Amino acid sequence: MQVARAIAFYAFMSITAIVFGVIGIVMPLTPYRFRSRFFISFNRVMLWALKHICGVTCRVRGMENLPQGQPFVIMAKHQSTWEAIFFQWFFHPTSIILKKELLKIPFFGWGLAQCRPIAIDRSNPKEALKKVKTYGQKRLDEGNNVLVFPEGTRTPVGKAGNYARSGADIAINASAPLIPVAHNAGVYWPMKKWLKNPGTIEVVIGAAIATEGRTSKVVTAEAKDWIEAEVAKMAQQSPVH
């Protein structure tokens, strides 16, 4: 059954991506807010398909911790593809920090490029950090939230990667709230696997981490400790498939 559902999901999404891609040809001519909502609606369709075809839903806790009336920096766990899709829609308008190669993916990457991402070249860490700081500030000034996956790449369930300080750097430099987010999406959308496990993904939004007068190293360490502790709690409740 899982195989049939996965095939149906990817077939549906491939067709949808082509439709959005064709319509999206004219989107660069429209105002940013309009075209970003258009392309982010593709994420919403993906989440709908994931729920109704694969049986994967989500539950969000901690909504009261989201800042009101100002953009913020989101520092989130990275276990699967799901969180990039969900968080861009859920925290819209959001600029995501990603590797520039993703923008070259037909249809998907082209649409992503219209949502003001911060695309970096991982082969040049020094320039990448400089770009993250500059454009992170710019995107916040434009009214976008900034989404950072500090581990830089997906990590297996039960593992923790090294947390880069870029998210903390942006928040400190811009005096913006830094919001940690934990989840267990990797249990239901495993990395490097195309089969999906039915169930409910847990997302927990933490309280803003203080940044004033603190170093990015200290702020990042606090964010990591909170995120990994929350993920560990989820692991006790949701066995790994």
C-alpha atoms as a PDB file:
ATOM      1  CA  MET A   1       0.000   0.000   0.000  1.00  0.00           C
ATOM      2  CA  GLN A   2       2.818   2.428   0.837  1.00  0.00           C
ATOM      3  CA  VAL A   3       4.390   1.841  -2.572  1.00  0.00           C
ATOM      4  CA  ALA A   4       1.117   2.566  -4.377  1.00  0.00           C
ATOM      5  CA  ARG A   5       0.574   5.703  -2.306  1.00  0.00           C
ATOM      6  CA  ALA A   6       4.095   6.947  -2.974  1.00  0.00           C
ATOM      7  CA  ILE A   7       3.716   6.399  -6.723  1.00  0.00           C
ATOM      8  CA  ALA A   8       0.374   8.241  -6.714  1.00  0.00           C
ATOM      9  CA  PHE A   9       1.841  11.095  -4.662  1.00  0.00           C
ATOM     10  CA  TYR A  10       4.837  11.682  -6.919  1.00  0.00           C
ATOM     11  CA  ALA A  11       2.750  11.313 -10.084  1.00  0.00           C
ATOM     12  CA  PHE A  12       0.267  13.889  -8.804  1.00  0.00           C
ATOM     13  CA  MET A  13       3.008  16.279  -7.734  1.00  0.00           C
ATOM     14  CA  SER A  14       4.895  15.949 -11.030  1.00  0.00           C
ATOM     15  CA  ILE A  15       1.804  16.960 -12.970  1.00  0.00           C
ATOM     16  CA  THR A  16       1.089  19.780 -10.513  1.00  0.00           C
ATOM     17  CA  ALA A  17       4.681  21.052 -10.778  1.00  0.00           C
ATOM     18  CA  ILE A  18       4.396  21.239 -14.556  1.00  0.00           C
ATOM     19  CA  VAL A  19       1.103  23.144 -14.334  1.00  0.00           C
ATOM     20  CA  PHE A  20       2.539  25.620 -11.825  1.00  0.00           C
ATOM     21  CA  GLY A  21       5.705  25.892 -13.895  1.00  0.00           C
ATOM     22  CA  VAL A  22       3.850  26.781 -17.084  1.00  0.00           C
ATOM     23  CA  ILE A  23       1.642  29.362 -15.354  1.00  0.00           C
ATOM     24  CA  GLY A  24       4.684  30.608 -13.484  1.00  0.00           C
ATOM     25  CA  ILE A  25       6.341  31.770 -16.696  1.00  0.00           C
ATOM     26  CA  VAL A  26       4.471  35.069 -16.429  1.00  0.00           C
ATOM     27  CA  MET A  27       4.842  35.417 -12.653  1.00  0.00           C
ATOM     28  CA  PRO A  28       8.142  37.377 -12.729  1.00  0.00           C
ATOM     29  CA  LEU A  29       6.104  40.210 -14.267  1.00  0.00           C
ATOM     30  CA  THR A  30       3.842  40.420 -11.209  1.00  0.00           C
ATOM     31  CA  PRO A  31       4.472  42.080  -7.799  1.00  0.00           C
ATOM     32  CA  TYR A  32       6.553  40.032  -5.367  1.00  0.00           C
ATOM     33  CA  ARG A  33       3.783  39.448  -2.838  1.00  0.00           C
ATOM     34  CA  PHE A  34       1.451  38.120  -5.524  1.00  0.00           C
ATOM     35  CA  ARG A  35       3.954  35.788  -7.156  1.00  0.00           C
ATOM     36  CA  SER A  36       5.301  34.530  -3.832  1.00  0.00           C
ATOM     37  CA  ARG A  37       1.776  33.588  -2.726  1.00  0.00           C
ATOM     38  CA  PHE A  38       1.261  31.837  -6.061  1.00  0.00           C
ATOM     39  CA  PHE A  39       4.385  29.699  -5.772  1.00  0.00           C
ATOM     40  CA  ILE A  40       3.881  29.023  -2.062  1.00  0.00           C
ATOM     41  CA  SER A  41       0.405  27.707  -2.904  1.00  0.00           C
ATOM     42  CA  PHE A  42       2.264  24.854  -4.622  1.00  0.00           C
ATOM     43  CA  ASN A  43       3.632  23.918  -1.195  1.00  0.00           C
ATOM     44  CA  ARG A  44       0.082  23.898   0.141  1.00  0.00           C
ATOM     45  CA  VAL A  45      -0.988  21.537  -2.629  1.00  0.00           C
ATOM     46  CA  MET A  46       1.926  19.236  -1.783  1.00  0.00           C
ATOM     47  CA  LEU A  47       0.897  19.165   1.862  1.00  0.00           C
ATOM     48  CA  TRP A  48      -2.706  18.426   0.850  1.00  0.00           C
ATOM     49  CA  ALA A  49      -1.552  15.534  -1.336  1.00  0.00           C
ATOM     50  CA  LEU A  50       0.719  14.230   1.405  1.00  0.00           C
ATOM     51  CA  LYS A  51      -2.228  14.142   3.795  1.00  0.00           C
ATOM     52  CA  HIS A  52      -4.854  12.642   1.493  1.00  0.00           C
ATOM     53  CA  ILE A  53      -2.640  10.267  -0.483  1.00  0.00           C
ATOM     54  CA  CYS A  54       0.077   9.249   1.976  1.00  0.00           C
ATOM     55  CA  GLY A  55      -1.743   9.794   5.265  1.00  0.00           C
ATOM     56  CA  VAL A  56       0.851  12.201   6.681  1.00  0.00           C
ATOM     57  CA  THR A  57      -0.492  15.132   8.706  1.00  0.00           C
ATOM     58  CA  CYS A  58       1.036  17.489  11.264  1.00  0.00           C
ATOM     59  CA  ARG A  59       0.301  19.110  14.600  1.00  0.00           C
ATOM     60  CA  VAL A  60       1.863  22.436  15.624  1.00  0.00           C
ATOM     61  CA  ARG A  61       2.387  23.543  19.222  1.00  0.00           C
ATOM     62  CA  GLY A  62       3.816  26.813  20.509  1.00  0.00           C
ATOM     63  CA  MET A  63       2.014  29.237  18.204  1.00  0.00           C
ATOM     64  CA  GLU A  64       1.872  31.700  21.085  1.00  0.00           C
ATOM     65  CA  ASN A  65       5.660  32.073  20.825  1.00  0.00           C
ATOM     66  CA  LEU A  66       5.559  33.644  17.372  1.00  0.00           C
ATOM     67  CA  PRO A  67       6.406  37.381  17.352  1.00  0.00           C
ATOM     68  CA  GLN A  68       3.616  39.666  16.206  1.00  0.00           C
ATOM     69  CA  GLY A  69       4.106  42.620  13.891  1.00  0.00           C
ATOM     70  CA  GLN A  70       7.760  42.040  13.022  1.00  0.00           C
ATOM     71  CA  PRO A  71       9.781  39.584  10.917  1.00  0.00           C
ATOM     72  CA  PHE A  72      11.918  37.002  12.688  1.00  0.00           C
ATOM     73  CA  VAL A  73      14.601  34.376  12.147  1.00  0.00           C
ATOM     74  CA  ILE A  74      13.582  30.710  12.309  1.00  0.00           C
ATOM     75  CA  MET A  75      16.228  28.171  13.311  1.00  0.00           C
ATOM     76  CA  ALA A  76      14.873  24.685  12.611  1.00  0.00           C
ATOM     77  CA  LYS A  77      15.880  21.045  12.735  1.00  0.00           C
ATOM     78  CA  HIS A  78      16.563  19.469   9.335  1.00  0.00           C
ATOM     79  CA  GLN A  79      15.586  15.809   8.916  1.00  0.00           C
ATOM     80  CA  SER A  80      13.716  15.629   5.623  1.00  0.00           C
ATOM     81  CA  THR A  81      12.280  17.475   2.643  1.00  0.00           C
ATOM     82  CA  TRP A  82       9.008  18.061   4.474  1.00  0.00           C
ATOM     83  CA  GLU A  83      10.120  20.928   6.713  1.00  0.00           C
ATOM     84  CA  ALA A  84      11.398  23.021   3.799  1.00  0.00           C
ATOM     85  CA  ILE A  85       7.985  22.667   2.156  1.00  0.00           C
ATOM     86  CA  PHE A  86       5.892  23.186   5.286  1.00  0.00           C
ATOM     87  CA  PHE A  87       7.832  26.010   6.934  1.00  0.00           C
ATOM     88  CA  GLN A  88       7.965  28.118   3.776  1.00  0.00           C
ATOM     89  CA  TRP A  89       4.187  27.945   3.624  1.00  0.00           C
ATOM     90  CA  PHE A  90       3.470  28.114   7.368  1.00  0.00           C
ATOM     91  CA  PHE A  91       5.788  31.074   8.088  1.00  0.00           C
ATOM     92  CA  HIS A  92       5.046  32.908   4.816  1.00  0.00           C
ATOM     93  CA  PRO A  93       6.457  35.310   3.738  1.00  0.00           C
ATOM     94  CA  THR A  94       9.773  33.574   4.328  1.00  0.00           C
ATOM     95  CA  SER A  95      13.161  33.634   2.643  1.00  0.00           C
ATOM     96  CA  ILE A  96      14.966  30.333   3.007  1.00  0.00           C
ATOM     97  CA  ILE A  97      18.747  29.922   3.071  1.00  0.00           C
ATOM     98  CA  LEU A  98      19.657  27.152   0.636  1.00  0.00           C
ATOM     99  CA  LYS A  99      22.399  25.865  -1.636  1.00  0.00           C
ATOM    100  CA  LYS A 100      22.290  27.557  -5.026  1.00  0.00           C
ATOM    101  CA  GLU A 101      22.087  24.246  -6.906  1.00  0.00           C
ATOM    102  CA  LEU A 102      18.468  23.818  -5.792  1.00  0.00           C
ATOM    103  CA  LEU A 103      17.414  26.775  -7.933  1.00  0.00           C
ATOM    104  CA  LYS A 104      18.424  24.839 -11.047  1.00  0.00           C
ATOM    105  CA  ILE A 105      15.855  22.072 -10.515  1.00  0.00           C
ATOM    106  CA  PRO A 106      13.275  22.319 -13.335  1.00  0.00           C
ATOM    107  CA  PHE A 107       9.950  23.866 -12.304  1.00  0.00           C
ATOM    108  CA  PHE A 108      10.510  23.498  -8.528  1.00  0.00           C
ATOM    109  CA  GLY A 109      13.744  25.470  -8.445  1.00  0.00           C
ATOM    110  CA  TRP A 110      12.455  28.089 -10.856  1.00  0.00           C
ATOM    111  CA  GLY A 111       9.476  28.767  -8.602  1.00  0.00           C
ATOM    112  CA  LEU A 112      11.661  28.791  -5.506  1.00  0.00           C
ATOM    113  CA  ALA A 113      13.828  31.470  -7.093  1.00  0.00           C
ATOM    114  CA  GLN A 114      10.794  33.784  -7.238  1.00  0.00           C
ATOM    115  CA  CYS A 115      10.363  33.709  -3.446  1.00  0.00           C
ATOM    116  CA  ARG A 116      13.529  35.676  -2.619  1.00  0.00           C
ATOM    117  CA  PRO A 117      15.642  32.858  -1.190  1.00  0.00           C
ATOM    118  CA  ILE A 118      19.193  33.401   0.014  1.00  0.00           C
ATOM    119  CA  ALA A 119      21.139  31.067  -2.269  1.00  0.00           C
ATOM    120  CA  ILE A 120      24.711  30.319  -1.199  1.00  0.00           C
ATOM    121  CA  ASP A 121      27.747  28.587  -2.661  1.00  0.00           C
ATOM    122  CA  ARG A 122      28.853  25.982  -0.127  1.00  0.00           C
ATOM    123  CA  SER A 123      32.249  25.651  -1.797  1.00  0.00           C
ATOM    124  CA  ASN A 124      33.108  29.165  -0.603  1.00  0.00           C
ATOM    125  CA  PRO A 125      32.168  29.351   3.117  1.00  0.00           C
ATOM    126  CA  LYS A 126      33.618  32.829   3.661  1.00  0.00           C
ATOM    127  CA  GLU A 127      31.595  34.398   0.847  1.00  0.00           C
ATOM    128  CA  ALA A 128      28.546  32.343   1.821  1.00  0.00           C
ATOM    129  CA  LEU A 129      28.616  33.734   5.374  1.00  0.00           C
ATOM    130  CA  LYS A 130      29.032  37.274   4.061  1.00  0.00           C
ATOM    131  CA  LYS A 131      26.049  36.832   1.738  1.00  0.00           C
ATOM    132  CA  VAL A 132      23.918  35.315   4.496  1.00  0.00           C
ATOM    133  CA  LYS A 133      24.531  38.292   6.788  1.00  0.00           C
ATOM    134  CA  THR A 134      23.943  40.889   4.065  1.00  0.00           C
ATOM    135  CA  TYR A 135      20.859  39.331   2.508  1.00  0.00           C
ATOM    136  CA  GLY A 136      19.491  38.114   5.827  1.00  0.00           C
ATOM    137  CA  GLN A 137      19.308  41.722   6.984  1.00  0.00           C
ATOM    138  CA  LYS A 138      17.873  42.798   3.626  1.00  0.00           C
ATOM    139  CA  ARG A 139      15.113  40.179   3.645  1.00  0.00           C
ATOM    140  CA  LEU A 140      14.109  41.093   7.194  1.00  0.00           C
ATOM    141  CA  ASP A 141      13.992  44.766   6.201  1.00  0.00           C
ATOM    142  CA  GLU A 142      11.702  43.780   3.314  1.00  0.00           C
ATOM    143  CA  GLY A 143       9.310  42.156   5.779  1.00  0.00           C
ATOM    144  CA  ASN A 144      10.236  38.523   5.168  1.00  0.00           C
ATOM    145  CA  ASN A 145      11.057  36.027   7.877  1.00  0.00           C
ATOM    146  CA  VAL A 146      14.327  34.154   7.354  1.00  0.00           C
ATOM    147  CA  LEU A 147      14.378  30.347   7.582  1.00  0.00           C
ATOM    148  CA  VAL A 148      17.681  28.726   8.546  1.00  0.00           C
ATOM    149  CA  PHE A 149      18.540  25.042   8.802  1.00  0.00           C
ATOM    150  CA  PRO A 150      21.734  25.386  10.869  1.00  0.00           C
ATOM    151  CA  GLU A 151      22.841  21.790  10.278  1.00  0.00           C
ATOM    152  CA  GLY A 152      23.205  22.704   6.612  1.00  0.00           C
ATOM    153  CA  THR A 153      21.973  19.346   5.383  1.00  0.00           C
ATOM    154  CA  ARG A 154      19.471  16.713   6.412  1.00  0.00           C
ATOM    155  CA  THR A 155      20.470  14.540   9.355  1.00  0.00           C
ATOM    156  CA  PRO A 156      19.138  11.046  10.128  1.00  0.00           C
ATOM    157  CA  VAL A 157      16.534  10.649  12.848  1.00  0.00           C
ATOM    158  CA  GLY A 158      18.291  10.363  16.189  1.00  0.00           C
ATOM    159  CA  LYS A 159      21.367  12.261  15.028  1.00  0.00           C
ATOM    160  CA  ALA A 160      22.440  15.889  15.431  1.00  0.00           C
ATOM    161  CA  GLY A 161      24.649  17.736  12.973  1.00  0.00           C
ATOM    162  CA  ASN A 162      26.959  20.648  13.643  1.00  0.00           C
ATOM    163  CA  TYR A 163      24.940  23.849  13.998  1.00  0.00           C
ATOM    164  CA  ALA A 164      26.262  26.785  11.980  1.00  0.00           C
ATOM    165  CA  ARG A 165      26.049  30.239  13.562  1.00  0.00           C
ATOM    166  CA  SER A 166      24.529  31.970  10.529  1.00  0.00           C
ATOM    167  CA  GLY A 167      21.003  32.147  11.952  1.00  0.00           C
ATOM    168  CA  ALA A 168      22.241  33.659  15.195  1.00  0.00           C
ATOM    169  CA  ASP A 169      24.456  36.091  13.277  1.00  0.00           C
ATOM    170  CA  ILE A 170      21.469  37.357  11.285  1.00  0.00           C
ATOM    171  CA  ALA A 171      19.278  37.737  14.365  1.00  0.00           C
ATOM    172  CA  ILE A 172      21.986  39.520  16.366  1.00  0.00           C
ATOM    173  CA  ASN A 173      22.961  41.897  13.557  1.00  0.00           C
ATOM    174  CA  ALA A 174      19.331  42.759  12.780  1.00  0.00           C
ATOM    175  CA  SER A 175      18.101  42.766  16.398  1.00  0.00           C
ATOM    176  CA  ALA A 176      15.413  40.342  15.219  1.00  0.00           C
ATOM    177  CA  PRO A 177      13.720  37.625  17.305  1.00  0.00           C
ATOM    178  CA  LEU A 178      15.290  34.168  16.948  1.00  0.00           C
ATOM    179  CA  ILE A 179      12.708  31.375  17.074  1.00  0.00           C
ATOM    180  CA  PRO A 180      13.847  27.735  17.506  1.00  0.00           C
ATOM    181  CA  VAL A 181      11.672  25.044  15.931  1.00  0.00           C
ATOM    182  CA  ALA A 182      11.805  21.298  16.539  1.00  0.00           C
ATOM    183  CA  HIS A 183       9.984  18.512  14.699  1.00  0.00           C
ATOM    184  CA  ASN A 184      10.143  14.811  13.851  1.00  0.00           C
ATOM    185  CA  ALA A 185       9.354  14.909  10.124  1.00  0.00           C
ATOM    186  CA  GLY A 186      12.150  12.451   9.372  1.00  0.00           C
ATOM    187  CA  VAL A 187      10.116   9.673  10.961  1.00  0.00           C
ATOM    188  CA  TYR A 188       7.321  10.076   8.402  1.00  0.00           C
ATOM    189  CA  TRP A 189       9.239  11.437   5.384  1.00  0.00           C
ATOM    190  CA  PRO A 190      12.603   9.662   5.776  1.00  0.00           C
ATOM    191  CA  MET A 191      15.622  11.232   4.123  1.00  0.00           C
ATOM    192  CA  LYS A 192      16.765   9.614   0.870  1.00  0.00           C
ATOM    193  CA  LYS A 193      13.657   7.409   0.780  1.00  0.00           C
ATOM    194  CA  TRP A 194      10.618   7.884  -1.433  1.00  0.00           C
ATOM    195  CA  LEU A 195       8.164   5.907   0.712  1.00  0.00           C
ATOM    196  CA  LYS A 196       6.193   7.876   3.306  1.00  0.00           C
ATOM    197  CA  ASN A 197       5.109   6.539   6.707  1.00  0.00           C
ATOM    198  CA  PRO A 198       1.518   7.477   7.667  1.00  0.00           C
ATOM    199  CA  GLY A 199       1.189   9.428  10.889  1.00  0.00           C
ATOM    200  CA  THR A 200       1.253  12.860  12.483  1.00  0.00           C
ATOM    201  CA  ILE A 201       4.375  15.008  12.370  1.00  0.00           C
ATOM    202  CA  GLU A 202       4.925  16.963  15.579  1.00  0.00           C
ATOM    203  CA  VAL A 203       6.161  20.560  15.311  1.00  0.00           C
ATOM    204  CA  VAL A 204       7.089  22.588  18.389  1.00  0.00           C
ATOM    205  CA  ILE A 205       7.789  26.322  18.207  1.00  0.00           C
ATOM    206  CA  GLY A 206       9.966  27.540  21.057  1.00  0.00           C
ATOM    207  CA  ALA A 207      10.096  30.886  22.819  1.00  0.00           C
ATOM    208  CA  ALA A 208      12.370  33.530  21.312  1.00  0.00           C
ATOM    209  CA  ILE A 209      16.004  33.147  22.346  1.00  0.00           C
ATOM    210  CA  ALA A 210      17.618  36.266  23.780  1.00  0.00           C
ATOM    211  CA  THR A 211      20.344  37.694  21.523  1.00  0.00           C
ATOM    212  CA  GLU A 212      21.137  41.150  22.915  1.00  0.00           C
ATOM    213  CA  GLY A 213      24.680  41.340  24.264  1.00  0.00           C
ATOM    214  CA  ARG A 214      25.364  37.685  23.457  1.00  0.00           C
ATOM    215  CA  THR A 215      27.674  36.024  20.929  1.00  0.00           C
ATOM    216  CA  SER A 216      26.419  33.936  18.027  1.00  0.00           C
ATOM    217  CA  LYS A 217      28.258  30.939  19.497  1.00  0.00           C
ATOM    218  CA  VAL A 218      26.337  31.122  22.770  1.00  0.00           C
ATOM    219  CA  VAL A 219      22.993  31.792  21.066  1.00  0.00           C
ATOM    220  CA  THR A 220      23.479  28.917  18.624  1.00  0.00           C
ATOM    221  CA  ALA A 221      24.398  26.536  21.443  1.00  0.00           C
ATOM    222  CA  GLU A 222      21.223  27.442  23.335  1.00  0.00           C
ATOM    223  CA  ALA A 223      19.095  26.957  20.226  1.00  0.00           C
ATOM    224  CA  LYS A 224      20.704  23.585  19.527  1.00  0.00           C
ATOM    225  CA  ASP A 225      20.221  22.375  23.104  1.00  0.00           C
ATOM    226  CA  TRP A 226      16.532  23.297  23.038  1.00  0.00           C
ATOM    227  CA  ILE A 227      15.848  21.839  19.588  1.00  0.00           C
ATOM    228  CA  GLU A 228      17.642  18.550  20.231  1.00  0.00           C
ATOM    229  CA  ALA A 229      15.979  18.151  23.645  1.00  0.00           C
ATOM    230  CA  GLU A 230      12.538  18.582  22.068  1.00  0.00           C
ATOM    231  CA  VAL A 231      13.370  16.164  19.259  1.00  0.00           C
ATOM    232  CA  ALA A 232      14.517  13.607  21.851  1.00  0.00           C
ATOM    233  CA  LYS A 233      11.175  13.925  23.664  1.00  0.00           C
ATOM    234  CA  MET A 234       9.351  13.267  20.394  1.00  0.00           C
ATOM    235  CA  ALA A 235      11.488  10.194  19.735  1.00  0.00           C
ATOM    236  CA  GLN A 236      10.291   8.652  22.986  1.00  0.00           C
ATOM    237  CA  GLN A 237       6.690   9.021  21.846  1.00  0.00           C
ATOM    238  CA  SER A 238       7.069   8.202  18.124  1.00  0.00           C
ATOM    239  CA  PRO A 239       9.099   5.068  17.389  1.00  0.00           C
ATOM    240  CA  VAL A 240      11.353   5.200  14.316  1.00  0.00           C
ATOM    241  CA  HIS A 241       9.840   3.233  11.406  1.00  0.00           C
END
